[in-house]
Amino acid sequence: MKITIVTPLFNDWDCLYQLIEQIRLVLTPTKYNDYRILVVDDCSSLEVEKDKLKGHPIEVLHLNKNLGHQKAIAIGLSYLNAHSNDDFFVVMDSDGEDKPEHLPILLDEASGNGGKEILFARRTKRKESFLFKIFYKIYKYAFIFLTGKVINFGNFSVIPKKLLDKVTHVSDIWNHYPGGIIRSRLLYKSVGLERGTRYTGKSKMNYTSLVIHGLSAVAVYIDTVSVRLLIAISSLILVAIAGIITVFIYSSYIPSWAVLIFFGILMQAFLSALILVFTVLSYRVNFNFLPAAHFQDYVESVEKF
């Protein structure tokens, strides 16, 4: 059974050196010892120490511009779809938060279902700060409210060969890989696993980057989000009308200017949501960016070690 591990990277070479050693220690004694690692270098500004990669089954795919880790994942998967016939493809972060010790668990589960499903690692325990956990909870509930879907996993996943071509033809993975898979309606499931800690250094993802990452997941469902907002605002207008009628019945006076301002705000929100719906629906006739077809535009070079 042949395995390829795809990991996006931006300047985290010190983490990568530890990651590849940990992968070697974990997979060598198992039936998954026929593996290679594809590092998608997201136009790093720091140079790699090539001596530390020699002797390992590694390819480094250098991108010609910095695109962010979601697009780097899409390019890496598309490159493999065009150049590899391996059995399973693992997506994992390079910083150690996706633990190499969990690879046999995910691969056993993925191979056990006959390669019919994409398998994700669902986080059962997170080691971030309390403030981060609060904002993450808010994000998850907001995602459910706006999209009607549940997202409780990240990039760490296993894709069977028979599904890789379909994955790379999902245009939404260009913005958000897990969200794109959910939207695609491809079969997937998740396994509960504990999140690891970074090997070294600090994450490149600050709070601004995390907000953008979260909004990218919501943007995958922008047509659904716009319609749900329109329905929510319409429902609010109906409730407001019922409330004002009730006040008129049981109260002798209500300022007309207050009613006008209130309805003005609601109508502006309604019209904004309606315009958003029509704008989104009009864009659905446009040609979508397909990672499988256009990834080559962003590949600068490939190094094999």
Foldseek 3Di string as FASTA:
>chain_A
DEEEEEAEDAPVQVLQLVVQVQLCVQQVVDPHNRYAYEYEYQQHPDDHPVVSCPPGFYKYFYWPHHQDGLQSVLLVLLVCLVPHDGFKYWYDYSFCQPPSNCVVVQVCVCVVVVQQAKEFEFAPDDDDDPVVVVVVVVLQVVLCLQQVDGDRTARGIMHGSVCSVVLLQQLLSNLGSVLSVVVSPRHYDYDYDHTGDGPDDDDPQDPVNVVSSSVSSSVSRQLSRLVSQLVVLVVVVVVVVVVVVVCVVVDVDDDPVVVVVVVVVSVVSNVVSVVSNVVVVVCVVPDGDGSNVPSVVTTDDMDGD
